[in-house]
């Protein structure tokens, strides 16, 4: 199933007699995985040490010259768990950032299955091709007037979940969400924070026959918009109506040829000649 080991490039040395494990992993990163950086002084004193880093001590020491992101990619390649127990480094900011991204992916998968996917399915069952979700706090008060609802908000899916509300407030989490939705094939993805109408404040009547102006109170809340169709909300096929021209293809057919060819009967100012040339410019 995996093929012969002799066919793999990992068992073949290059022109320098070295074995290339992966072109995307630098030698410094590979050494930090195999060798514990805390034991470098001991290694320098012993010319032939055999002290694997993670595979013996259970953790990897990140060298100062290696970024945490680069080390993370190497750990994913070598199937090494990446957490605060297996990674030791001085740059706690980048380490916690990578751990937060992992946690955000797991948390959003839970939100997607329990809350967001049912909202999208509700839109799909009504024939819609996109979904606009607004994430609200559980303590938010929403009361839209039935006679004068807010414009462009009738089809919005409202989700009351305080945990989701706190999650989507972070820009980094929204970046992770956008990446996940792209991986799942969704299109026209938009995430951010926008004003959400809560309840009607007052109604201004402009006059008879005109729609009254309704003023709502707004609060800033996260939203998610995505579509499962690649095209816009319009037909893919455009019909161009072909209208047959009623004009004659041969304008000279309506002209007396004898009058045109009889030079003696042509006007002295040459108007007839100009008329023929203007009637059919293709004639030389």
C-alpha atoms as a PDB file:
ATOM      1  CA  UNK A   1       0.000   0.000   0.000  1.00  0.00           C
ATOM      2  CA  UNK A   2       2.854   2.373   0.824  1.00  0.00           C
ATOM      3  CA  UNK A   3       5.138   1.119  -1.950  1.00  0.00           C
ATOM      4  CA  UNK A   4       8.604  -0.272  -1.673  1.00  0.00           C
ATOM      5  CA  UNK A   5      10.977   1.514   0.686  1.00  0.00           C
ATOM      6  CA  UNK A   6      13.617   1.389  -2.045  1.00  0.00           C
ATOM      7  CA  UNK A   7      11.439   3.673  -4.165  1.00  0.00           C
ATOM      8  CA  UNK A   8      11.259   6.348  -1.492  1.00  0.00           C
ATOM      9  CA  UNK A   9      13.661   9.275  -1.698  1.00  0.00           C
ATOM     10  CA  UNK A  10      14.208   9.110   2.069  1.00  0.00           C
ATOM     11  CA  UNK A  11      16.328   5.960   1.603  1.00  0.00           C
ATOM     12  CA  UNK A  12      18.477   7.456  -1.150  1.00  0.00           C
ATOM     13  CA  UNK A  13      21.367   9.766  -0.445  1.00  0.00           C
ATOM     14  CA  UNK A  14      22.088  12.882  -2.474  1.00  0.00           C
ATOM     15  CA  UNK A  15      25.383  13.779  -4.170  1.00  0.00           C
ATOM     16  CA  UNK A  16      26.911  14.676  -0.778  1.00  0.00           C
ATOM     17  CA  UNK A  17      25.970  11.365   0.805  1.00  0.00           C
ATOM     18  CA  UNK A  18      23.213  12.991   2.891  1.00  0.00           C
ATOM     19  CA  UNK A  19      19.620  11.809   3.313  1.00  0.00           C
ATOM     20  CA  UNK A  20      16.987  14.426   2.650  1.00  0.00           C
ATOM     21  CA  UNK A  21      14.004  13.887   4.944  1.00  0.00           C
ATOM     22  CA  UNK A  22      11.860  16.766   3.709  1.00  0.00           C
ATOM     23  CA  UNK A  23      12.605  19.754   1.541  1.00  0.00           C
ATOM     24  CA  UNK A  24      10.399  21.932   3.750  1.00  0.00           C
ATOM     25  CA  UNK A  25      12.246  21.189   7.005  1.00  0.00           C
ATOM     26  CA  UNK A  26      15.503  22.993   7.630  1.00  0.00           C
ATOM     27  CA  UNK A  27      18.480  21.330   9.264  1.00  0.00           C
ATOM     28  CA  UNK A  28      18.159  23.524  12.355  1.00  0.00           C
ATOM     29  CA  UNK A  29      14.551  22.510  12.904  1.00  0.00           C
ATOM     30  CA  UNK A  30      15.305  18.864  12.271  1.00  0.00           C
ATOM     31  CA  UNK A  31      18.167  18.985  14.756  1.00  0.00           C
ATOM     32  CA  UNK A  32      15.958  20.628  17.391  1.00  0.00           C
ATOM     33  CA  UNK A  33      13.512  17.730  17.066  1.00  0.00           C
ATOM     34  CA  UNK A  34      16.145  15.014  17.285  1.00  0.00           C
ATOM     35  CA  UNK A  35      18.464  16.661  19.797  1.00  0.00           C
ATOM     36  CA  UNK A  36      17.495  18.375  23.029  1.00  0.00           C
ATOM     37  CA  UNK A  37      18.898  21.890  22.888  1.00  0.00           C
ATOM     38  CA  UNK A  38      19.445  21.894  26.644  1.00  0.00           C
ATOM     39  CA  UNK A  39      22.085  19.200  26.186  1.00  0.00           C
ATOM     40  CA  UNK A  40      24.168  21.033  23.576  1.00  0.00           C
ATOM     41  CA  UNK A  41      27.080  21.609  26.047  1.00  0.00           C
ATOM     42  CA  UNK A  42      27.127  17.891  26.794  1.00  0.00           C
ATOM     43  CA  UNK A  43      27.043  17.051  23.085  1.00  0.00           C
ATOM     44  CA  UNK A  44      29.958  19.372  22.402  1.00  0.00           C
ATOM     45  CA  UNK A  45      32.002  17.554  25.037  1.00  0.00           C
ATOM     46  CA  UNK A  46      31.119  14.144  23.632  1.00  0.00           C
ATOM     47  CA  UNK A  47      32.016  13.683  19.962  1.00  0.00           C
ATOM     48  CA  UNK A  48      29.611  10.757  19.349  1.00  0.00           C
ATOM     49  CA  UNK A  49      26.477  11.321  21.407  1.00  0.00           C
ATOM     50  CA  UNK A  50      23.156   9.682  20.634  1.00  0.00           C
ATOM     51  CA  UNK A  51      20.642  11.781  22.546  1.00  0.00           C
ATOM     52  CA  UNK A  52      17.308  12.196  20.714  1.00  0.00           C
ATOM     53  CA  UNK A  53      15.276  15.152  21.864  1.00  0.00           C
ATOM     54  CA  UNK A  54      11.563  14.410  21.641  1.00  0.00           C
ATOM     55  CA  UNK A  55      11.860  10.666  21.105  1.00  0.00           C
ATOM     56  CA  UNK A  56      13.698  10.210  24.396  1.00  0.00           C
ATOM     57  CA  UNK A  57      12.731  13.129  26.631  1.00  0.00           C
ATOM     58  CA  UNK A  58       9.228  13.795  25.309  1.00  0.00           C
ATOM     59  CA  UNK A  59       9.647  17.462  24.424  1.00  0.00           C
ATOM     60  CA  UNK A  60      11.292  19.698  21.823  1.00  0.00           C
ATOM     61  CA  UNK A  61      13.374  22.758  22.651  1.00  0.00           C
ATOM     62  CA  UNK A  62      12.821  25.497  20.098  1.00  0.00           C
ATOM     63  CA  UNK A  63      16.096  27.245  19.121  1.00  0.00           C
ATOM     64  CA  UNK A  64      16.045  31.068  19.177  1.00  0.00           C
ATOM     65  CA  UNK A  65      16.731  31.182  15.425  1.00  0.00           C
ATOM     66  CA  UNK A  66      13.640  29.078  14.594  1.00  0.00           C
ATOM     67  CA  UNK A  67      10.147  30.539  14.580  1.00  0.00           C
ATOM     68  CA  UNK A  68       7.381  28.747  16.413  1.00  0.00           C
ATOM     69  CA  UNK A  69       5.343  28.535  13.212  1.00  0.00           C
ATOM     70  CA  UNK A  70       8.186  26.774  11.396  1.00  0.00           C
ATOM     71  CA  UNK A  71       8.596  24.362  14.283  1.00  0.00           C
ATOM     72  CA  UNK A  72       4.849  23.760  14.262  1.00  0.00           C
ATOM     73  CA  UNK A  73       4.897  22.769  10.596  1.00  0.00           C
ATOM     74  CA  UNK A  74       7.779  20.370  11.257  1.00  0.00           C
ATOM     75  CA  UNK A  75       5.908  18.795  14.159  1.00  0.00           C
ATOM     76  CA  UNK A  76       2.876  18.271  11.944  1.00  0.00           C
ATOM     77  CA  UNK A  77       5.083  16.625   9.320  1.00  0.00           C
ATOM     78  CA  UNK A  78       6.735  14.243  11.806  1.00  0.00           C
ATOM     79  CA  UNK A  79       3.421  13.601  13.638  1.00  0.00           C
ATOM     80  CA  UNK A  80       4.737  15.077  16.873  1.00  0.00           C
ATOM     81  CA  UNK A  81       2.077  16.474  19.223  1.00  0.00           C
ATOM     82  CA  UNK A  82       2.231  20.246  19.524  1.00  0.00           C
ATOM     83  CA  UNK A  83       1.233  21.524  22.964  1.00  0.00           C
ATOM     84  CA  UNK A  84       2.707  23.241  25.992  1.00  0.00           C
ATOM     85  CA  UNK A  85       4.058  19.933  27.296  1.00  0.00           C
ATOM     86  CA  UNK A  86       5.968  18.915  24.169  1.00  0.00           C
ATOM     87  CA  UNK A  87       7.260  22.364  23.095  1.00  0.00           C
ATOM     88  CA  UNK A  88       9.699  24.401  25.173  1.00  0.00           C
ATOM     89  CA  UNK A  89      10.576  27.881  23.936  1.00  0.00           C
ATOM     90  CA  UNK A  90      11.221  31.396  25.185  1.00  0.00           C
ATOM     91  CA  UNK A  91       8.700  33.027  22.822  1.00  0.00           C
ATOM     92  CA  UNK A  92       5.517  32.350  24.759  1.00  0.00           C
ATOM     93  CA  UNK A  93       3.523  34.821  22.647  1.00  0.00           C
ATOM     94  CA  UNK A  94       3.928  32.847  19.424  1.00  0.00           C
ATOM     95  CA  UNK A  95       3.536  29.530  21.222  1.00  0.00           C
ATOM     96  CA  UNK A  96       0.226  30.553  22.782  1.00  0.00           C
ATOM     97  CA  UNK A  97      -0.870  32.008  19.437  1.00  0.00           C
ATOM     98  CA  UNK A  98      -0.437  28.621  17.742  1.00  0.00           C
ATOM     99  CA  UNK A  99      -2.207  26.885  20.614  1.00  0.00           C
ATOM    100  CA  UNK A 100      -5.086  29.375  20.329  1.00  0.00           C
ATOM    101  CA  UNK A 101      -5.419  28.643  16.619  1.00  0.00           C
ATOM    102  CA  UNK A 102      -5.672  24.926  17.384  1.00  0.00           C
ATOM    103  CA  UNK A 103      -8.282  25.587  20.032  1.00  0.00           C
ATOM    104  CA  UNK A 104     -10.211  27.906  17.708  1.00  0.00           C
ATOM    105  CA  UNK A 105     -10.425  25.235  15.004  1.00  0.00           C
ATOM    106  CA  UNK A 106     -11.780  22.658  17.438  1.00  0.00           C
ATOM    107  CA  UNK A 107     -14.225  25.113  18.989  1.00  0.00           C
ATOM    108  CA  UNK A 108     -15.568  26.322  15.663  1.00  0.00           C
ATOM    109  CA  UNK A 109     -16.131  22.782  14.432  1.00  0.00           C
ATOM    110  CA  UNK A 110     -18.411  22.373  17.429  1.00  0.00           C
ATOM    111  CA  UNK A 111     -20.221  25.661  16.740  1.00  0.00           C
ATOM    112  CA  UNK A 112     -20.589  24.751  13.077  1.00  0.00           C
ATOM    113  CA  UNK A 113     -22.214  21.412  13.765  1.00  0.00           C
ATOM    114  CA  UNK A 114     -24.522  22.530  16.574  1.00  0.00           C
ATOM    115  CA  UNK A 115     -25.594  26.038  15.508  1.00  0.00           C
ATOM    116  CA  UNK A 116     -24.333  27.367  12.175  1.00  0.00           C
ATOM    117  CA  UNK A 117     -25.053  24.362   9.953  1.00  0.00           C
ATOM    118  CA  UNK A 118     -28.709  24.132  11.098  1.00  0.00           C
ATOM    119  CA  UNK A 119     -29.124  27.846  10.285  1.00  0.00           C
ATOM    120  CA  UNK A 120     -27.655  27.324   6.806  1.00  0.00           C
ATOM    121  CA  UNK A 121     -29.881  24.308   6.250  1.00  0.00           C
ATOM    122  CA  UNK A 122     -32.920  26.419   7.154  1.00  0.00           C
ATOM    123  CA  UNK A 123     -31.996  28.914   4.433  1.00  0.00           C
ATOM    124  CA  UNK A 124     -31.310  26.142   1.924  1.00  0.00           C
ATOM    125  CA  UNK A 125     -34.715  24.551   2.550  1.00  0.00           C
ATOM    126  CA  UNK A 126     -36.414  27.811   1.546  1.00  0.00           C
ATOM    127  CA  UNK A 127     -34.514  27.909  -1.754  1.00  0.00           C
ATOM    128  CA  UNK A 128     -31.890  30.418  -0.680  1.00  0.00           C
ATOM    129  CA  UNK A 129     -28.304  30.055  -1.898  1.00  0.00           C
ATOM    130  CA  UNK A 130     -26.583  31.970   0.895  1.00  0.00           C
ATOM    131  CA  UNK A 131     -26.941  32.565   4.607  1.00  0.00           C
ATOM    132  CA  UNK A 132     -26.363  35.566   6.852  1.00  0.00           C
ATOM    133  CA  UNK A 133     -25.865  34.658  10.508  1.00  0.00           C
ATOM    134  CA  UNK A 134     -25.761  37.171  13.354  1.00  0.00           C
ATOM    135  CA  UNK A 135     -24.286  35.980  16.662  1.00  0.00           C
ATOM    136  CA  UNK A 136     -25.944  37.596  19.682  1.00  0.00           C
ATOM    137  CA  UNK A 137     -25.369  37.454  23.394  1.00  0.00           C
ATOM    138  CA  UNK A 138     -27.908  35.480  25.345  1.00  0.00           C
ATOM    139  CA  UNK A 139     -28.850  38.645  27.256  1.00  0.00           C
ATOM    140  CA  UNK A 140     -29.564  40.669  24.103  1.00  0.00           C
ATOM    141  CA  UNK A 141     -33.145  41.873  23.680  1.00  0.00           C
ATOM    142  CA  UNK A 142     -34.525  41.629  20.134  1.00  0.00           C
ATOM    143  CA  UNK A 143     -38.071  42.763  19.363  1.00  0.00           C
ATOM    144  CA  UNK A 144     -38.773  43.531  15.719  1.00  0.00           C
ATOM    145  CA  UNK A 145     -42.091  45.082  14.864  1.00  0.00           C
ATOM    146  CA  UNK A 146     -44.251  42.813  12.707  1.00  0.00           C
ATOM    147  CA  UNK A 147     -45.722  45.690  10.691  1.00  0.00           C
ATOM    148  CA  UNK A 148     -42.468  47.606  10.278  1.00  0.00           C
ATOM    149  CA  UNK A 149     -39.582  45.126  10.479  1.00  0.00           C
ATOM    150  CA  UNK A 150     -36.039  46.372   9.846  1.00  0.00           C
ATOM    151  CA  UNK A 151     -35.081  46.379   6.196  1.00  0.00           C
ATOM    152  CA  UNK A 152     -32.791  43.660   4.817  1.00  0.00           C
ATOM    153  CA  UNK A 153     -32.920  41.782   8.112  1.00  0.00           C
ATOM    154  CA  UNK A 154     -35.931  39.527   7.577  1.00  0.00           C
ATOM    155  CA  UNK A 155     -33.832  36.624   6.302  1.00  0.00           C
ATOM    156  CA  UNK A 156     -30.996  36.944   8.816  1.00  0.00           C
ATOM    157  CA  UNK A 157     -30.468  33.949  11.059  1.00  0.00           C
ATOM    158  CA  UNK A 158     -30.088  35.008  14.702  1.00  0.00           C
ATOM    159  CA  UNK A 159     -28.113  32.778  17.056  1.00  0.00           C
ATOM    160  CA  UNK A 160     -28.260  33.568  20.783  1.00  0.00           C
ATOM    161  CA  UNK A 161     -25.105  32.072  22.258  1.00  0.00           C
ATOM    162  CA  UNK A 162     -22.813  33.943  24.626  1.00  0.00           C
ATOM    163  CA  UNK A 163     -19.918  31.539  24.060  1.00  0.00           C
ATOM    164  CA  UNK A 164     -20.068  32.045  20.304  1.00  0.00           C
ATOM    165  CA  UNK A 165     -20.422  35.798  20.789  1.00  0.00           C
ATOM    166  CA  UNK A 166     -17.180  35.959  22.793  1.00  0.00           C
ATOM    167  CA  UNK A 167     -15.454  33.650  20.301  1.00  0.00           C
ATOM    168  CA  UNK A 168     -16.268  35.743  17.208  1.00  0.00           C
ATOM    169  CA  UNK A 169     -15.190  39.016  18.812  1.00  0.00           C
ATOM    170  CA  UNK A 170     -11.520  38.118  18.194  1.00  0.00           C
ATOM    171  CA  UNK A 171     -10.149  38.929  14.749  1.00  0.00           C
ATOM    172  CA  UNK A 172      -7.758  35.962  14.915  1.00  0.00           C
ATOM    173  CA  UNK A 173     -10.651  33.571  15.489  1.00  0.00           C
ATOM    174  CA  UNK A 174     -12.519  35.004  12.514  1.00  0.00           C
ATOM    175  CA  UNK A 175      -9.428  34.415  10.365  1.00  0.00           C
ATOM    176  CA  UNK A 176      -9.385  30.772  11.456  1.00  0.00           C
ATOM    177  CA  UNK A 177     -13.114  30.465  10.727  1.00  0.00           C
ATOM    178  CA  UNK A 178     -12.681  31.901   7.234  1.00  0.00           C
ATOM    179  CA  UNK A 179      -9.918  29.409   6.498  1.00  0.00           C
ATOM    180  CA  UNK A 180     -12.068  26.495   7.679  1.00  0.00           C
ATOM    181  CA  UNK A 181     -15.079  27.585   5.622  1.00  0.00           C
ATOM    182  CA  UNK A 182     -12.874  27.848   2.522  1.00  0.00           C
ATOM    183  CA  UNK A 183     -11.627  24.316   3.147  1.00  0.00           C
ATOM    184  CA  UNK A 184     -15.252  23.161   3.269  1.00  0.00           C
ATOM    185  CA  UNK A 185     -15.968  24.675  -0.155  1.00  0.00           C
ATOM    186  CA  UNK A 186     -18.109  27.682   0.793  1.00  0.00           C
ATOM    187  CA  UNK A 187     -17.952  30.856  -1.308  1.00  0.00           C
ATOM    188  CA  UNK A 188     -18.260  34.614  -0.781  1.00  0.00           C
ATOM    189  CA  UNK A 189     -17.316  34.368   2.887  1.00  0.00           C
ATOM    190  CA  UNK A 190     -17.560  37.526   4.952  1.00  0.00           C
ATOM    191  CA  UNK A 191     -16.990  37.878   8.688  1.00  0.00           C
ATOM    192  CA  UNK A 192     -16.915  40.936  10.878  1.00  0.00           C
ATOM    193  CA  UNK A 193     -18.902  43.062  13.290  1.00  0.00           C
ATOM    194  CA  UNK A 194     -21.916  45.093  12.192  1.00  0.00           C
ATOM    195  CA  UNK A 195     -24.909  46.870  13.659  1.00  0.00           C
ATOM    196  CA  UNK A 196     -27.874  44.658  14.494  1.00  0.00           C
ATOM    197  CA  UNK A 197     -31.322  46.219  15.073  1.00  0.00           C
ATOM    198  CA  UNK A 198     -32.785  45.395  18.464  1.00  0.00           C
ATOM    199  CA  UNK A 199     -36.145  47.130  18.911  1.00  0.00           C
ATOM    200  CA  UNK A 200     -38.100  49.928  17.261  1.00  0.00           C
ATOM    201  CA  UNK A 201     -37.500  53.349  18.752  1.00  0.00           C
ATOM    202  CA  UNK A 202     -39.949  55.556  16.835  1.00  0.00           C
ATOM    203  CA  UNK A 203     -41.846  55.921  13.583  1.00  0.00           C
ATOM    204  CA  UNK A 204     -41.856  59.049  11.435  1.00  0.00           C
ATOM    205  CA  UNK A 205     -44.877  59.535   9.156  1.00  0.00           C
ATOM    206  CA  UNK A 206     -43.900  61.600   6.136  1.00  0.00           C
ATOM    207  CA  UNK A 207     -47.326  61.836   4.537  1.00  0.00           C
ATOM    208  CA  UNK A 208     -50.140  59.893   2.935  1.00  0.00           C
ATOM    209  CA  UNK A 209     -49.123  57.280   0.414  1.00  0.00           C
ATOM    210  CA  UNK A 210     -45.495  57.025   1.560  1.00  0.00           C
ATOM    211  CA  UNK A 211     -43.906  54.383   3.737  1.00  0.00           C
ATOM    212  CA  UNK A 212     -43.210  55.651   7.245  1.00  0.00           C
ATOM    213  CA  UNK A 213     -39.597  55.944   8.345  1.00  0.00           C
ATOM    214  CA  UNK A 214     -38.870  53.438  11.103  1.00  0.00           C
ATOM    215  CA  UNK A 215     -35.929  54.046  13.449  1.00  0.00           C
ATOM    216  CA  UNK A 216     -34.414  51.096  15.329  1.00  0.00           C
ATOM    217  CA  UNK A 217     -31.833  50.932  18.055  1.00  0.00           C
ATOM    218  CA  UNK A 218     -28.654  49.083  17.035  1.00  0.00           C
ATOM    219  CA  UNK A 219     -25.957  47.105  18.813  1.00  0.00           C
ATOM    220  CA  UNK A 220     -22.620  45.916  17.396  1.00  0.00           C
ATOM    221  CA  UNK A 221     -22.551  42.138  17.031  1.00  0.00           C
ATOM    222  CA  UNK A 222     -20.459  39.616  15.041  1.00  0.00           C
ATOM    223  CA  UNK A 223     -21.840  38.205  11.818  1.00  0.00           C
ATOM    224  CA  UNK A 224     -20.997  35.438   9.345  1.00  0.00           C
ATOM    225  CA  UNK A 225     -22.060  35.414   5.706  1.00  0.00           C
ATOM    226  CA  UNK A 226     -21.387  32.574   3.281  1.00  0.00           C
ATOM    227  CA  UNK A 227     -22.772  31.075   0.091  1.00  0.00           C
ATOM    228  CA  UNK A 228     -22.670  27.576  -1.311  1.00  0.00           C
ATOM    229  CA  UNK A 229     -22.978  28.776  -4.918  1.00  0.00           C
ATOM    230  CA  UNK A 230     -20.107  30.208  -6.946  1.00  0.00           C
ATOM    231  CA  UNK A 231     -22.271  32.588  -8.999  1.00  0.00           C
ATOM    232  CA  UNK A 232     -24.139  35.679  -7.891  1.00  0.00           C
ATOM    233  CA  UNK A 233     -27.890  35.695  -7.372  1.00  0.00           C
ATOM    234  CA  UNK A 234     -28.666  35.948 -11.071  1.00  0.00           C
ATOM    235  CA  UNK A 235     -29.229  33.652 -14.034  1.00  0.00           C
ATOM    236  CA  UNK A 236     -26.139  32.148 -15.644  1.00  0.00           C
ATOM    237  CA  UNK A 237     -27.696  32.251 -19.161  1.00  0.00           C
ATOM    238  CA  UNK A 238     -28.444  35.505 -20.916  1.00  0.00           C
ATOM    239  CA  UNK A 239     -30.674  35.519 -24.004  1.00  0.00           C
ATOM    240  CA  UNK A 240     -29.995  38.175 -26.595  1.00  0.00           C
ATOM    241  CA  UNK A 241     -33.063  38.787 -28.758  1.00  0.00           C
ATOM    242  CA  UNK A 242     -32.177  38.934 -32.429  1.00  0.00           C
ATOM    243  CA  UNK A 243     -34.305  41.550 -34.190  1.00  0.00           C
ATOM    244  CA  UNK A 244     -34.386  41.177 -37.973  1.00  0.00           C
ATOM    245  CA  UNK A 245     -33.646  44.425 -39.713  1.00  0.00           C
ATOM    246  CA  UNK A 246     -36.442  45.695 -41.915  1.00  0.00           C
ATOM    247  CA  UNK A 247     -34.118  47.777 -44.052  1.00  0.00           C
ATOM    248  CA  UNK A 248     -33.383  46.605 -47.588  1.00  0.00           C
ATOM    249  CA  UNK A 249     -30.088  44.857 -48.115  1.00  0.00           C
ATOM    250  CA  UNK A 250     -29.847  46.377 -51.594  1.00  0.00           C
ATOM    251  CA  UNK A 251     -30.715  50.032 -51.464  1.00  0.00           C
ATOM    252  CA  UNK A 252     -30.002  50.402 -55.182  1.00  0.00           C
ATOM    253  CA  UNK A 253     -33.020  48.216 -55.949  1.00  0.00           C
ATOM    254  CA  UNK A 254     -35.286  51.135 -55.099  1.00  0.00           C
ATOM    255  CA  UNK A 255     -33.425  53.467 -57.465  1.00  0.00           C
ATOM    256  CA  UNK A 256     -34.050  53.750 -61.163  1.00  0.00           C
ATOM    257  CA  UNK A 257     -30.854  52.405 -62.659  1.00  0.00           C
ATOM    258  CA  UNK A 258     -31.509  54.083 -66.012  1.00  0.00           C
ATOM    259  CA  UNK A 259     -31.610  57.472 -64.333  1.00  0.00           C
ATOM    260  CA  UNK A 260     -28.378  56.816 -62.492  1.00  0.00           C
ATOM    261  CA  UNK A 261     -26.492  55.486 -65.539  1.00  0.00           C
ATOM    262  CA  UNK A 262     -27.698  58.242 -67.872  1.00  0.00           C
ATOM    263  CA  UNK A 263     -25.055  60.868 -67.381  1.00  0.00           C
ATOM    264  CA  UNK A 264     -26.889  63.407 -69.508  1.00  0.00           C
ATOM    265  CA  UNK A 265     -29.848  63.359 -67.122  1.00  0.00           C
ATOM    266  CA  UNK A 266     -27.759  63.765 -63.930  1.00  0.00           C
ATOM    267  CA  UNK A 267     -27.929  67.093 -62.198  1.00  0.00           C
ATOM    268  CA  UNK A 268     -25.028  69.395 -62.855  1.00  0.00           C
ATOM    269  CA  UNK A 269     -24.150  69.678 -59.150  1.00  0.00           C
ATOM    270  CA  UNK A 270     -23.588  65.913 -58.800  1.00  0.00           C
ATOM    271  CA  UNK A 271     -26.205  65.384 -56.081  1.00  0.00           C
ATOM    272  CA  UNK A 272     -27.219  62.050 -57.622  1.00  0.00           C
ATOM    273  CA  UNK A 273     -23.733  60.679 -57.383  1.00  0.00           C
ATOM    274  CA  UNK A 274     -23.410  61.721 -53.753  1.00  0.00           C
ATOM    275  CA  UNK A 275     -26.806  60.163 -53.047  1.00  0.00           C
ATOM    276  CA  UNK A 276     -25.743  56.797 -54.443  1.00  0.00           C
ATOM    277  CA  UNK A 277     -22.476  56.796 -52.508  1.00  0.00           C
ATOM    278  CA  UNK A 278     -24.237  57.721 -49.300  1.00  0.00           C
ATOM    279  CA  UNK A 279     -26.890  55.077 -49.844  1.00  0.00           C
ATOM    280  CA  UNK A 280     -24.373  52.252 -50.185  1.00  0.00           C
ATOM    281  CA  UNK A 281     -20.863  53.213 -49.037  1.00  0.00           C
ATOM    282  CA  UNK A 282     -19.490  49.772 -49.929  1.00  0.00           C
ATOM    283  CA  UNK A 283     -19.691  50.598 -53.651  1.00  0.00           C
ATOM    284  CA  UNK A 284     -16.342  51.735 -54.977  1.00  0.00           C
END
